[in-house]
Amino acid sequence: MSRIIVPGSFPAPRISYAPENCGTLGPAIVEAARSVDIPLDGHQEYVLNTASGIRPRYTTNHWAATQVGWSEPRQNGKSNTLLARTVGGILVLGEKQIIHSAHEVKTAMGSYQALKDLCLN
């Protein structure tokens, strides 16, 4: 479990709200994505780091935030960020069921095909 980090080449967002005093599984998720050749920009790493914040509770870790949202212009990597999170969910977190949807069927099918290609390769 690591602290939330802002990659050196990426400036901190002008507006950001994230739980404080928590660790994150983000670096492990980023590493899992890179291990299957998913390239990530600094802002995508930031989203994964902050969205994967955890707090220790009793004997297990619990998500620091139950809801995550971010605003990003068109064609700037939202699908790639979600693909990286999906891979992290499978490889790092051992999640058995992951729901991934999109505004358009074409986008959802593109993400499905990208994940399928990663699995087959």
PDB file of N, CA and C in Angstrom:
ATOM      1  N   MET A   1       0.857  -1.160   0.000  1.00  0.00           N
ATOM      2  CA  MET A   1       0.000   0.000   0.000  1.00  0.00           C
ATOM      3  C   MET A   1       0.906   1.226   0.000  1.00  0.00           C
ATOM      4  N   SER A   2       0.714   2.123  -0.971  1.00  0.00           N
ATOM      5  CA  SER A   2       1.547   3.315  -1.111  1.00  0.00           C
ATOM      6  C   SER A   2       0.736   4.569  -0.851  1.00  0.00           C
ATOM      7  N   ARG A   3       1.425   5.678  -0.669  1.00  0.00           N
ATOM      8  CA  ARG A   3       0.778   6.980  -0.556  1.00  0.00           C
ATOM      9  C   ARG A   3       0.389   7.449  -1.948  1.00  0.00           C
ATOM     10  N   ILE A   4      -0.623   8.322  -2.051  1.00  0.00           N
ATOM     11  CA  ILE A   4      -1.038   8.870  -3.335  1.00  0.00           C
ATOM     12  C   ILE A   4       0.055   9.792  -3.846  1.00  0.00           C
ATOM     13  N   ILE A   5       0.434   9.592  -5.106  1.00  0.00           N
ATOM     14  CA  ILE A   5       1.506  10.380  -5.701  1.00  0.00           C
ATOM     15  C   ILE A   5       1.025  11.052  -6.973  1.00  0.00           C
ATOM     16  N   VAL A   6       1.655  12.170  -7.282  1.00  0.00           N
ATOM     17  CA  VAL A   6       1.427  12.851  -8.552  1.00  0.00           C
ATOM     18  C   VAL A   6       2.699  12.640  -9.357  1.00  0.00           C
ATOM     19  N   PRO A   7       2.629  11.933 -10.513  1.00  0.00           N
ATOM     20  CA  PRO A   7       3.838  11.694 -11.307  1.00  0.00           C
ATOM     21  C   PRO A   7       4.551  13.007 -11.628  1.00  0.00           C
ATOM     22  N   GLY A   8       5.894  12.987 -11.624  1.00  0.00           N
ATOM     23  CA  GLY A   8       6.700  14.182 -11.813  1.00  0.00           C
ATOM     24  C   GLY A   8       6.398  14.983 -13.069  1.00  0.00           C
ATOM     25  N   SER A   9       6.059  14.324 -14.164  1.00  0.00           N
ATOM     26  CA  SER A   9       5.821  15.042 -15.418  1.00  0.00           C
ATOM     27  C   SER A   9       4.396  15.579 -15.519  1.00  0.00           C
ATOM     28  N   PHE A  10       3.609  15.368 -14.512  1.00  0.00           N
ATOM     29  CA  PHE A  10       2.206  15.766 -14.545  1.00  0.00           C
ATOM     30  C   PHE A  10       1.928  16.807 -13.472  1.00  0.00           C
ATOM     31  N   PRO A  11       1.436  17.982 -13.866  1.00  0.00           N
ATOM     32  CA  PRO A  11       1.118  18.978 -12.836  1.00  0.00           C
ATOM     33  C   PRO A  11      -0.113  18.557 -12.038  1.00  0.00           C
ATOM     34  N   ALA A  12      -0.135  18.921 -10.772  1.00  0.00           N
ATOM     35  CA  ALA A  12      -1.299  18.601  -9.936  1.00  0.00           C
ATOM     36  C   ALA A  12      -2.534  19.280 -10.528  1.00  0.00           C
ATOM     37  N   PRO A  13      -3.691  18.630 -10.475  1.00  0.00           N
ATOM     38  CA  PRO A  13      -4.913  19.222 -11.015  1.00  0.00           C
ATOM     39  C   PRO A  13      -5.272  20.525 -10.298  1.00  0.00           C
ATOM     40  N   ARG A  14      -5.894  21.436 -11.016  1.00  0.00           N
ATOM     41  CA  ARG A  14      -6.318  22.708 -10.436  1.00  0.00           C
ATOM     42  C   ARG A  14      -7.359  22.472  -9.352  1.00  0.00           C
ATOM     43  N   ILE A  15      -8.285  21.547  -9.604  1.00  0.00           N
ATOM     44  CA  ILE A  15      -9.323  21.202  -8.641  1.00  0.00           C
ATOM     45  C   ILE A  15      -9.269  19.690  -8.429  1.00  0.00           C
ATOM     46  N   SER A  16      -9.150  19.285  -7.196  1.00  0.00           N
ATOM     47  CA  SER A  16      -9.113  17.854  -6.903  1.00  0.00           C
ATOM     48  C   SER A  16      -9.621  17.631  -5.487  1.00  0.00           C
ATOM     49  N   TYR A  17     -10.463  16.658  -5.320  1.00  0.00           N
ATOM     50  CA  TYR A  17     -10.916  16.263  -3.997  1.00  0.00           C
ATOM     51  C   TYR A  17     -10.728  14.761  -3.890  1.00  0.00           C
ATOM     52  N   ALA A  18      -9.922  14.354  -2.950  1.00  0.00           N
ATOM     53  CA  ALA A  18      -9.672  12.931  -2.729  1.00  0.00           C
ATOM     54  C   ALA A  18      -9.534  12.702  -1.235  1.00  0.00           C
ATOM     55  N   PRO A  19      -9.898  11.520  -0.760  1.00  0.00           N
ATOM     56  CA  PRO A  19      -9.738  11.221   0.664  1.00  0.00           C
ATOM     57  C   PRO A  19      -8.289  11.413   1.097  1.00  0.00           C
ATOM     58  N   GLU A  20      -8.111  11.945   2.280  1.00  0.00           N
ATOM     59  CA  GLU A  20      -6.774  12.184   2.817  1.00  0.00           C
ATOM     60  C   GLU A  20      -6.381  11.077   3.788  1.00  0.00           C
ATOM     61  N   ASN A  21      -5.098  11.039   4.083  1.00  0.00           N
ATOM     62  CA  ASN A  21      -4.559  10.096   5.065  1.00  0.00           C
ATOM     63  C   ASN A  21      -4.917   8.651   4.740  1.00  0.00           C
ATOM     64  N   CYS A  22      -4.710   8.301   3.487  1.00  0.00           N
ATOM     65  CA  CYS A  22      -4.962   6.909   3.100  1.00  0.00           C
ATOM     66  C   CYS A  22      -3.833   6.429   2.204  1.00  0.00           C
ATOM     67  N   GLY A  23      -3.718   5.140   2.076  1.00  0.00           N
ATOM     68  CA  GLY A  23      -2.768   4.549   1.155  1.00  0.00           C
ATOM     69  C   GLY A  23      -3.444   4.356  -0.185  1.00  0.00           C
ATOM     70  N   THR A  24      -2.734   3.788  -1.122  1.00  0.00           N
ATOM     71  CA  THR A  24      -3.325   3.530  -2.426  1.00  0.00           C
ATOM     72  C   THR A  24      -2.742   2.266  -3.047  1.00  0.00           C
ATOM     73  N   LEU A  25      -3.565   1.584  -3.783  1.00  0.00           N
ATOM     74  CA  LEU A  25      -3.119   0.438  -4.564  1.00  0.00           C
ATOM     75  C   LEU A  25      -2.796   0.864  -5.989  1.00  0.00           C
ATOM     76  N   GLY A  26      -2.863   2.175  -6.245  1.00  0.00           N
ATOM     77  CA  GLY A  26      -2.633   2.716  -7.583  1.00  0.00           C
ATOM     78  C   GLY A  26      -1.328   2.297  -8.232  1.00  0.00           C
ATOM     79  N   PRO A  27      -0.179   2.422  -7.541  1.00  0.00           N
ATOM     80  CA  PRO A  27       1.073   2.014  -8.179  1.00  0.00           C
ATOM     81  C   PRO A  27       1.080   0.546  -8.625  1.00  0.00           C
ATOM     82  N   ALA A  28       0.469  -0.325  -7.859  1.00  0.00           N
ATOM     83  CA  ALA A  28       0.391  -1.737  -8.254  1.00  0.00           C
ATOM     84  C   ALA A  28      -0.495  -1.902  -9.484  1.00  0.00           C
ATOM     85  N   ILE A  29      -1.585  -1.135  -9.553  1.00  0.00           N
ATOM     86  CA  ILE A  29      -2.480  -1.196 -10.712  1.00  0.00           C
ATOM     87  C   ILE A  29      -1.777  -0.630 -11.943  1.00  0.00           C
ATOM     88  N   VAL A  30      -1.053   0.480 -11.766  1.00  0.00           N
ATOM     89  CA  VAL A  30      -0.289   1.068 -12.880  1.00  0.00           C
ATOM     90  C   VAL A  30       0.756   0.074 -13.376  1.00  0.00           C
ATOM     91  N   GLU A  31       1.448  -0.572 -12.467  1.00  0.00           N
ATOM     92  CA  GLU A  31       2.466  -1.555 -12.854  1.00  0.00           C
ATOM     93  C   GLU A  31       1.841  -2.740 -13.596  1.00  0.00           C
ATOM     94  N   ALA A  32       0.684  -3.200 -13.129  1.00  0.00           N
ATOM     95  CA  ALA A  32      -0.009  -4.303 -13.827  1.00  0.00           C
ATOM     96  C   ALA A  32      -0.382  -3.883 -15.243  1.00  0.00           C
ATOM     97  N   ALA A  33      -0.851  -2.652 -15.403  1.00  0.00           N
ATOM     98  CA  ALA A  33      -1.212  -2.156 -16.740  1.00  0.00           C
ATOM     99  C   ALA A  33       0.017  -2.101 -17.636  1.00  0.00           C
ATOM    100  N   ARG A  34       1.109  -1.609 -17.099  1.00  0.00           N
ATOM    101  CA  ARG A  34       2.345  -1.533 -17.902  1.00  0.00           C
ATOM    102  C   ARG A  34       2.865  -2.923 -18.262  1.00  0.00           C
ATOM    103  N   SER A  35       2.640  -3.892 -17.374  1.00  0.00           N
ATOM    104  CA  SER A  35       3.137  -5.245 -17.635  1.00  0.00           C
ATOM    105  C   SER A  35       2.445  -5.891 -18.829  1.00  0.00           C
ATOM    106  N   VAL A  36       1.266  -5.390 -19.183  1.00  0.00           N
ATOM    107  CA  VAL A  36       0.562  -5.910 -20.365  1.00  0.00           C
ATOM    108  C   VAL A  36       0.533  -4.857 -21.478  1.00  0.00           C
ATOM    109  N   ASP A  37       1.501  -3.933 -21.425  1.00  0.00           N
ATOM    110  CA  ASP A  37       1.722  -2.927 -22.475  1.00  0.00           C
ATOM    111  C   ASP A  37       0.578  -1.939 -22.657  1.00  0.00           C
ATOM    112  N   ILE A  38      -0.043  -1.522 -21.561  1.00  0.00           N
ATOM    113  CA  ILE A  38      -1.010  -0.429 -21.621  1.00  0.00           C
ATOM    114  C   ILE A  38      -0.241   0.837 -21.243  1.00  0.00           C
ATOM    115  N   PRO A  39      -0.026   1.743 -22.223  1.00  0.00           N
ATOM    116  CA  PRO A  39       0.706   2.969 -21.906  1.00  0.00           C
ATOM    117  C   PRO A  39      -0.183   3.938 -21.130  1.00  0.00           C
ATOM    118  N   LEU A  40       0.372   4.580 -20.116  1.00  0.00           N
ATOM    119  CA  LEU A  40      -0.389   5.524 -19.304  1.00  0.00           C
ATOM    120  C   LEU A  40       0.328   6.863 -19.233  1.00  0.00           C
ATOM    121  N   ASP A  41      -0.442   7.932 -19.354  1.00  0.00           N
ATOM    122  CA  ASP A  41       0.079   9.281 -19.159  1.00  0.00           C
ATOM    123  C   ASP A  41       0.017   9.615 -17.672  1.00  0.00           C
ATOM    124  N   GLY A  42       0.663  10.736 -17.303  1.00  0.00           N
ATOM    125  CA  GLY A  42       0.688  11.156 -15.906  1.00  0.00           C
ATOM    126  C   GLY A  42      -0.691  11.377 -15.330  1.00  0.00           C
ATOM    127  N   HIS A  43      -1.593  11.973 -16.106  1.00  0.00           N
ATOM    128  CA  HIS A  43      -2.933  12.229 -15.566  1.00  0.00           C
ATOM    129  C   HIS A  43      -3.704  10.933 -15.356  1.00  0.00           C
ATOM    130  N   GLN A  44      -3.442   9.920 -16.175  1.00  0.00           N
ATOM    131  CA  GLN A  44      -4.097   8.633 -15.996  1.00  0.00           C
ATOM    132  C   GLN A  44      -3.582   7.941 -14.737  1.00  0.00           C
ATOM    133  N   GLU A  45      -2.279   8.048 -14.490  1.00  0.00           N
ATOM    134  CA  GLU A  45      -1.714   7.497 -13.260  1.00  0.00           C
ATOM    135  C   GLU A  45      -2.313   8.196 -12.038  1.00  0.00           C
ATOM    136  N   TYR A  46      -2.475   9.505 -12.127  1.00  0.00           N
ATOM    137  CA  TYR A  46      -3.046  10.263 -11.017  1.00  0.00           C
ATOM    138  C   TYR A  46      -4.465   9.769 -10.706  1.00  0.00           C
ATOM    139  N   VAL A  47      -5.272   9.581 -11.739  1.00  0.00           N
ATOM    140  CA  VAL A  47      -6.640   9.093 -11.545  1.00  0.00           C
ATOM    141  C   VAL A  47      -6.611   7.718 -10.878  1.00  0.00           C
ATOM    142  N   LEU A  48      -5.769   6.818 -11.374  1.00  0.00           N
ATOM    143  CA  LEU A  48      -5.700   5.474 -10.799  1.00  0.00           C
ATOM    144  C   LEU A  48      -5.198   5.507  -9.358  1.00  0.00           C
ATOM    145  N   ASN A  49      -4.228   6.371  -9.067  1.00  0.00           N
ATOM    146  CA  ASN A  49      -3.704   6.476  -7.697  1.00  0.00           C
ATOM    147  C   ASN A  49      -4.756   6.995  -6.732  1.00  0.00           C
ATOM    148  N   THR A  50      -5.467   8.058  -7.125  1.00  0.00           N
ATOM    149  CA  THR A  50      -6.446   8.629  -6.207  1.00  0.00           C
ATOM    150  C   THR A  50      -7.710   7.782  -6.119  1.00  0.00           C
ATOM    151  N   ALA A  51      -8.094   7.164  -7.225  1.00  0.00           N
ATOM    152  CA  ALA A  51      -9.308   6.343  -7.224  1.00  0.00           C
ATOM    153  C   ALA A  51      -9.114   5.018  -6.489  1.00  0.00           C
ATOM    154  N   SER A  52      -7.877   4.636  -6.259  1.00  0.00           N
ATOM    155  CA  SER A  52      -7.586   3.346  -5.617  1.00  0.00           C
ATOM    156  C   SER A  52      -7.139   3.511  -4.174  1.00  0.00           C
ATOM    157  N   GLY A  53      -7.530   4.621  -3.560  1.00  0.00           N
ATOM    158  CA  GLY A  53      -7.171   4.862  -2.164  1.00  0.00           C
ATOM    159  C   GLY A  53      -7.846   3.860  -1.242  1.00  0.00           C
ATOM    160  N   ILE A  54      -7.090   3.404  -0.251  1.00  0.00           N
ATOM    161  CA  ILE A  54      -7.644   2.446   0.719  1.00  0.00           C
ATOM    162  C   ILE A  54      -7.276   2.882   2.126  1.00  0.00           C
ATOM    163  N   ARG A  55      -8.120   2.476   3.046  1.00  0.00           N
ATOM    164  CA  ARG A  55      -7.876   2.703   4.476  1.00  0.00           C
ATOM    165  C   ARG A  55      -7.932   1.355   5.175  1.00  0.00           C
ATOM    166  N   PRO A  56      -6.984   1.112   6.079  1.00  0.00           N
ATOM    167  CA  PRO A  56      -7.040  -0.134   6.831  1.00  0.00           C
ATOM    168  C   PRO A  56      -8.236  -0.127   7.779  1.00  0.00           C
ATOM    169  N   ARG A  57      -8.943  -1.212   7.810  1.00  0.00           N
ATOM    170  CA  ARG A  57     -10.079  -1.343   8.722  1.00  0.00           C
ATOM    171  C   ARG A  57     -10.116  -2.789   9.205  1.00  0.00           C
ATOM    172  N   TYR A  58      -9.932  -2.937  10.487  1.00  0.00           N
ATOM    173  CA  TYR A  58      -9.907  -4.259  11.113  1.00  0.00           C
ATOM    174  C   TYR A  58      -8.800  -5.098  10.476  1.00  0.00           C
ATOM    175  N   THR A  59      -9.134  -6.181   9.806  1.00  0.00           N
ATOM    176  CA  THR A  59      -8.095  -7.033   9.235  1.00  0.00           C
ATOM    177  C   THR A  59      -8.022  -6.931   7.717  1.00  0.00           C
ATOM    178  N   THR A  60      -8.881  -6.129   7.104  1.00  0.00           N
ATOM    179  CA  THR A  60      -8.849  -5.991   5.647  1.00  0.00           C
ATOM    180  C   THR A  60      -8.807  -4.507   5.279  1.00  0.00           C
ATOM    181  N   ASN A  61      -8.489  -4.241   4.042  1.00  0.00           N
ATOM    182  CA  ASN A  61      -8.481  -2.875   3.534  1.00  0.00           C
ATOM    183  C   ASN A  61      -9.847  -2.550   2.934  1.00  0.00           C
ATOM    184  N   HIS A  62     -10.257  -1.307   3.064  1.00  0.00           N
ATOM    185  CA  HIS A  62     -11.521  -0.844   2.502  1.00  0.00           C
ATOM    186  C   HIS A  62     -11.253   0.380   1.649  1.00  0.00           C
ATOM    187  N   TRP A  63     -12.026   0.541   0.576  1.00  0.00           N
ATOM    188  CA  TRP A  63     -11.871   1.700  -0.294  1.00  0.00           C
ATOM    189  C   TRP A  63     -12.076   2.976   0.512  1.00  0.00           C
ATOM    190  N   ALA A  64     -11.226   3.963   0.273  1.00  0.00           N
ATOM    191  CA  ALA A  64     -11.341   5.253   0.952  1.00  0.00           C
ATOM    192  C   ALA A  64     -12.512   6.055   0.378  1.00  0.00           C
ATOM    193  N   ALA A  65     -12.857   5.815  -0.869  1.00  0.00           N
ATOM    194  CA  ALA A  65     -13.992   6.492  -1.510  1.00  0.00           C
ATOM    195  C   ALA A  65     -14.895   5.436  -2.146  1.00  0.00           C
ATOM    196  N   THR A  66     -16.176   5.542  -1.903  1.00  0.00           N
ATOM    197  CA  THR A  66     -17.108   4.567  -2.490  1.00  0.00           C
ATOM    198  C   THR A  66     -17.550   4.986  -3.885  1.00  0.00           C
ATOM    199  N   GLN A  67     -17.313   6.239  -4.237  1.00  0.00           N
ATOM    200  CA  GLN A  67     -17.634   6.728  -5.579  1.00  0.00           C
ATOM    201  C   GLN A  67     -16.440   7.511  -6.102  1.00  0.00           C
ATOM    202  N   VAL A  68     -16.172   7.358  -7.398  1.00  0.00           N
ATOM    203  CA  VAL A  68     -15.058   8.056  -8.031  1.00  0.00           C
ATOM    204  C   VAL A  68     -15.558   8.672  -9.322  1.00  0.00           C
ATOM    205  N   GLY A  69     -15.174   9.908  -9.561  1.00  0.00           N
ATOM    206  CA  GLY A  69     -15.528  10.551 -10.816  1.00  0.00           C
ATOM    207  C   GLY A  69     -14.425  11.499 -11.232  1.00  0.00           C
ATOM    208  N   TRP A  70     -14.270  11.677 -12.517  1.00  0.00           N
ATOM    209  CA  TRP A  70     -13.328  12.673 -13.007  1.00  0.00           C
ATOM    210  C   TRP A  70     -13.842  13.199 -14.330  1.00  0.00           C
ATOM    211  N   SER A  71     -13.493  14.437 -14.597  1.00  0.00           N
ATOM    212  CA  SER A  71     -13.925  15.104 -15.813  1.00  0.00           C
ATOM    213  C   SER A  71     -12.729  15.228 -16.742  1.00  0.00           C
ATOM    214  N   GLU A  72     -12.911  14.786 -17.951  1.00  0.00           N
ATOM    215  CA  GLU A  72     -11.812  14.791 -18.912  1.00  0.00           C
ATOM    216  C   GLU A  72     -12.383  15.043 -20.303  1.00  0.00           C
ATOM    217  N   PRO A  73     -11.742  15.898 -21.101  1.00  0.00           N
ATOM    218  CA  PRO A  73     -12.262  16.172 -22.446  1.00  0.00           C
ATOM    219  C   PRO A  73     -12.272  14.921 -23.319  1.00  0.00           C
ATOM    220  N   ARG A  74     -12.984  15.029 -24.411  1.00  0.00           N
ATOM    221  CA  ARG A  74     -13.072  13.912 -25.349  1.00  0.00           C
ATOM    222  C   ARG A  74     -11.696  13.495 -25.862  1.00  0.00           C
ATOM    223  N   GLN A  75     -11.551  12.228 -26.119  1.00  0.00           N
ATOM    224  CA  GLN A  75     -10.347  11.665 -26.737  1.00  0.00           C
ATOM    225  C   GLN A  75      -9.078  11.895 -25.916  1.00  0.00           C
ATOM    226  N   ASN A  76      -9.188  11.887 -24.608  1.00  0.00           N
ATOM    227  CA  ASN A  76      -8.004  12.098 -23.769  1.00  0.00           C
ATOM    228  C   ASN A  76      -7.664  10.909 -22.887  1.00  0.00           C
ATOM    229  N   GLY A  77      -8.191   9.748 -23.151  1.00  0.00           N
ATOM    230  CA  GLY A  77      -7.718   8.576 -22.446  1.00  0.00           C
ATOM    231  C   GLY A  77      -8.593   7.990 -21.366  1.00  0.00           C
ATOM    232  N   LYS A  78      -9.873   8.356 -21.330  1.00  0.00           N
ATOM    233  CA  LYS A  78     -10.752   7.767 -20.311  1.00  0.00           C
ATOM    234  C   LYS A  78     -10.848   6.255 -20.496  1.00  0.00           C
ATOM    235  N   SER A  79     -11.028   5.823 -21.737  1.00  0.00           N
ATOM    236  CA  SER A  79     -11.161   4.380 -21.993  1.00  0.00           C
ATOM    237  C   SER A  79      -9.898   3.632 -21.605  1.00  0.00           C
ATOM    238  N   ASN A  80      -8.732   4.219 -21.893  1.00  0.00           N
ATOM    239  CA  ASN A  80      -7.471   3.576 -21.544  1.00  0.00           C
ATOM    240  C   ASN A  80      -7.289   3.500 -20.033  1.00  0.00           C
ATOM    241  N   THR A  81      -7.729   4.539 -19.320  1.00  0.00           N
ATOM    242  CA  THR A  81      -7.655   4.535 -17.861  1.00  0.00           C
ATOM    243  C   THR A  81      -8.544   3.425 -17.298  1.00  0.00           C
ATOM    244  N   LEU A  82      -9.744   3.293 -17.841  1.00  0.00           N
ATOM    245  CA  LEU A  82     -10.653   2.243 -17.375  1.00  0.00           C
ATOM    246  C   LEU A  82     -10.141   0.854 -17.752  1.00  0.00           C
ATOM    247  N   LEU A  83      -9.486   0.733 -18.906  1.00  0.00           N
ATOM    248  CA  LEU A  83      -8.889  -0.544 -19.292  1.00  0.00           C
ATOM    249  C   LEU A  83      -7.787  -0.915 -18.298  1.00  0.00           C
ATOM    250  N   ALA A  84      -6.975   0.072 -17.925  1.00  0.00           N
ATOM    251  CA  ALA A  84      -5.913  -0.181 -16.936  1.00  0.00           C
ATOM    252  C   ALA A  84      -6.517  -0.601 -15.600  1.00  0.00           C
ATOM    253  N   ARG A  85      -7.602   0.053 -15.189  1.00  0.00           N
ATOM    254  CA  ARG A  85      -8.259  -0.309 -13.922  1.00  0.00           C
ATOM    255  C   ARG A  85      -8.842  -1.712 -13.989  1.00  0.00           C
ATOM    256  N   THR A  86      -9.376  -2.073 -15.151  1.00  0.00           N
ATOM    257  CA  THR A  86      -9.918  -3.421 -15.334  1.00  0.00           C
ATOM    258  C   THR A  86      -8.815  -4.459 -15.193  1.00  0.00           C
ATOM    259  N   VAL A  87      -7.686  -4.222 -15.844  1.00  0.00           N
ATOM    260  CA  VAL A  87      -6.548  -5.140 -15.749  1.00  0.00           C
ATOM    261  C   VAL A  87      -6.055  -5.214 -14.302  1.00  0.00           C
ATOM    262  N   GLY A  88      -5.982  -4.059 -13.637  1.00  0.00           N
ATOM    263  CA  GLY A  88      -5.587  -4.048 -12.220  1.00  0.00           C
ATOM    264  C   GLY A  88      -6.573  -4.807 -11.349  1.00  0.00           C
ATOM    265  N   GLY A  89      -7.855  -4.680 -11.664  1.00  0.00           N
ATOM    266  CA  GLY A  89      -8.871  -5.412 -10.919  1.00  0.00           C
ATOM    267  C   GLY A  89      -8.682  -6.916 -11.030  1.00  0.00           C
ATOM    268  N   ILE A  90      -8.303  -7.355 -12.220  1.00  0.00           N
ATOM    269  CA  ILE A  90      -8.101  -8.788 -12.452  1.00  0.00           C
ATOM    270  C   ILE A  90      -6.789  -9.263 -11.832  1.00  0.00           C
ATOM    271  N   LEU A  91      -5.683  -8.573 -12.154  1.00  0.00           N
ATOM    272  CA  LEU A  91      -4.358  -9.054 -11.769  1.00  0.00           C
ATOM    273  C   LEU A  91      -3.943  -8.697 -10.341  1.00  0.00           C
ATOM    274  N   VAL A  92      -4.351  -7.521  -9.852  1.00  0.00           N
ATOM    275  CA  VAL A  92      -3.914  -7.063  -8.531  1.00  0.00           C
ATOM    276  C   VAL A  92      -4.944  -7.379  -7.452  1.00  0.00           C
ATOM    277  N   LEU A  93      -6.196  -7.080  -7.751  1.00  0.00           N
ATOM    278  CA  LEU A  93      -7.238  -7.199  -6.738  1.00  0.00           C
ATOM    279  C   LEU A  93      -7.963  -8.539  -6.758  1.00  0.00           C
ATOM    280  N   GLY A  94      -7.774  -9.326  -7.795  1.00  0.00           N
ATOM    281  CA  GLY A  94      -8.435 -10.622  -7.884  1.00  0.00           C
ATOM    282  C   GLY A  94      -9.945 -10.521  -8.025  1.00  0.00           C
ATOM    283  N   GLU A  95     -10.414  -9.429  -8.621  1.00  0.00           N
ATOM    284  CA  GLU A  95     -11.860  -9.253  -8.798  1.00  0.00           C
ATOM    285  C   GLU A  95     -12.393 -10.257  -9.812  1.00  0.00           C
ATOM    286  N   LYS A  96     -13.511 -10.851  -9.494  1.00  0.00           N
ATOM    287  CA  LYS A  96     -14.111 -11.871 -10.357  1.00  0.00           C
ATOM    288  C   LYS A  96     -15.141 -11.287 -11.320  1.00  0.00           C
ATOM    289  N   GLN A  97     -15.705 -10.146 -10.962  1.00  0.00           N
ATOM    290  CA  GLN A  97     -16.716  -9.526 -11.822  1.00  0.00           C
ATOM    291  C   GLN A  97     -16.434  -8.031 -11.904  1.00  0.00           C
ATOM    292  N   ILE A  98     -16.265  -7.538 -13.128  1.00  0.00           N
ATOM    293  CA  ILE A  98     -15.992  -6.124 -13.355  1.00  0.00           C
ATOM    294  C   ILE A  98     -16.981  -5.634 -14.403  1.00  0.00           C
ATOM    295  N   ILE A  99     -17.700  -4.586 -14.079  1.00  0.00           N
ATOM    296  CA  ILE A  99     -18.668  -4.016 -15.023  1.00  0.00           C
ATOM    297  C   ILE A  99     -18.044  -2.788 -15.653  1.00  0.00           C
ATOM    298  N   HIS A 100     -18.038  -2.763 -16.950  1.00  0.00           N
ATOM    299  CA  HIS A 100     -17.438  -1.664 -17.713  1.00  0.00           C
ATOM    300  C   HIS A 100     -18.460  -1.245 -18.758  1.00  0.00           C
ATOM    301  N   SER A 101     -18.898  -0.022 -18.681  1.00  0.00           N
ATOM    302  CA  SER A 101     -19.885   0.449 -19.655  1.00  0.00           C
ATOM    303  C   SER A 101     -19.386   1.730 -20.304  1.00  0.00           C
ATOM    304  N   ALA A 102     -20.101   2.177 -21.312  1.00  0.00           N
ATOM    305  CA  ALA A 102     -19.726   3.403 -22.019  1.00  0.00           C
ATOM    306  C   ALA A 102     -20.979   4.065 -22.553  1.00  0.00           C
ATOM    307  N   HIS A 103     -20.817   5.307 -22.934  1.00  0.00           N
ATOM    308  CA  HIS A 103     -21.913   6.107 -23.473  1.00  0.00           C
ATOM    309  C   HIS A 103     -22.473   5.496 -24.762  1.00  0.00           C
ATOM    310  N   GLU A 104     -21.594   4.969 -25.595  1.00  0.00           N
ATOM    311  CA  GLU A 104     -22.006   4.360 -26.862  1.00  0.00           C
ATOM    312  C   GLU A 104     -21.582   2.902 -26.910  1.00  0.00           C
ATOM    313  N   VAL A 105     -22.375   2.098 -27.586  1.00  0.00           N
ATOM    314  CA  VAL A 105     -22.057   0.679 -27.745  1.00  0.00           C
ATOM    315  C   VAL A 105     -20.721   0.516 -28.456  1.00  0.00           C
ATOM    316  N   LYS A 106     -20.442   1.352 -29.442  1.00  0.00           N
ATOM    317  CA  LYS A 106     -19.183   1.281 -30.192  1.00  0.00           C
ATOM    318  C   LYS A 106     -17.980   1.412 -29.253  1.00  0.00           C
ATOM    319  N   THR A 107     -18.057   2.338 -28.308  1.00  0.00           N
ATOM    320  CA  THR A 107     -16.966   2.541 -27.353  1.00  0.00           C
ATOM    321  C   THR A 107     -16.837   1.347 -26.415  1.00  0.00           C
ATOM    322  N   ALA A 108     -17.950   0.848 -25.920  1.00  0.00           N
ATOM    323  CA  ALA A 108     -17.928  -0.318 -25.032  1.00  0.00           C
ATOM    324  C   ALA A 108     -17.349  -1.535 -25.756  1.00  0.00           C
ATOM    325  N   MET A 109     -17.732  -1.727 -27.003  1.00  0.00           N
ATOM    326  CA  MET A 109     -17.217  -2.863 -27.773  1.00  0.00           C
ATOM    327  C   MET A 109     -15.723  -2.701 -28.056  1.00  0.00           C
ATOM    328  N   GLY A 110     -15.270  -1.464 -28.260  1.00  0.00           N
ATOM    329  CA  GLY A 110     -13.842  -1.216 -28.453  1.00  0.00           C
ATOM    330  C   GLY A 110     -13.048  -1.586 -27.218  1.00  0.00           C
ATOM    331  N   SER A 111     -13.568  -1.231 -26.052  1.00  0.00           N
ATOM    332  CA  SER A 111     -12.907  -1.578 -24.793  1.00  0.00           C
ATOM    333  C   SER A 111     -12.900  -3.086 -24.577  1.00  0.00           C
ATOM    334  N   TYR A 112     -14.025  -3.724 -24.900  1.00  0.00           N
ATOM    335  CA  TYR A 112     -14.113  -5.182 -24.769  1.00  0.00           C
ATOM    336  C   TYR A 112     -13.085  -5.846 -25.680  1.00  0.00           C
ATOM    337  N   GLN A 113     -12.979  -5.370 -26.916  1.00  0.00           N
ATOM    338  CA  GLN A 113     -12.038  -5.956 -27.871  1.00  0.00           C
ATOM    339  C   GLN A 113     -10.598  -5.750 -27.405  1.00  0.00           C
ATOM    340  N   ALA A 114     -10.291  -4.570 -26.853  1.00  0.00           N
ATOM    341  CA  ALA A 114      -8.938  -4.303 -26.344  1.00  0.00           C
ATOM    342  C   ALA A 114      -8.589  -5.262 -25.204  1.00  0.00           C
ATOM    343  N   LEU A 115      -9.535  -5.486 -24.291  1.00  0.00           N
ATOM    344  CA  LEU A 115      -9.294  -6.407 -23.183  1.00  0.00           C
ATOM    345  C   LEU A 115      -9.157  -7.839 -23.688  1.00  0.00           C
ATOM    346  N   LYS A 116      -9.989  -8.207 -24.645  1.00  0.00           N
ATOM    347  CA  LYS A 116      -9.920  -9.546 -25.230  1.00  0.00           C
ATOM    348  C   LYS A 116      -8.562  -9.761 -25.904  1.00  0.00           C
ATOM    349  N   ASP A 117      -8.082  -8.758 -26.651  1.00  0.00           N
ATOM    350  CA  ASP A 117      -6.785  -8.853 -27.312  1.00  0.00           C
ATOM    351  C   ASP A 117      -5.651  -9.007 -26.284  1.00  0.00           C
ATOM    352  N   LEU A 118      -5.744  -8.253 -25.158  1.00  0.00           N
ATOM    353  CA  LEU A 118      -4.735  -8.383 -24.111  1.00  0.00           C
ATOM    354  C   LEU A 118      -4.703  -9.809 -23.555  1.00  0.00           C
ATOM    355  N   CYS A 119      -5.889 -10.380 -23.351  1.00  0.00           N
ATOM    356  CA  CYS A 119      -5.988 -11.742 -22.800  1.00  0.00           C
ATOM    357  C   CYS A 119      -5.425 -12.777 -23.776  1.00  0.00           C
ATOM    358  N   LEU A 120      -5.701 -12.583 -25.050  1.00  0.00           N
ATOM    359  CA  LEU A 120      -5.252 -13.560 -26.038  1.00  0.00           C
ATOM    360  C   LEU A 120      -3.764 -13.444 -26.337  1.00  0.00           C
ATOM    361  N   ASN A 121      -3.208 -12.284 -26.125  1.00  0.00           N
ATOM    362  CA  ASN A 121      -1.779 -12.096 -26.408  1.00  0.00           C
ATOM    363  C   ASN A 121      -0.954 -12.370 -25.162  1.00  0.00           C
TER     364      ASN A 121
END
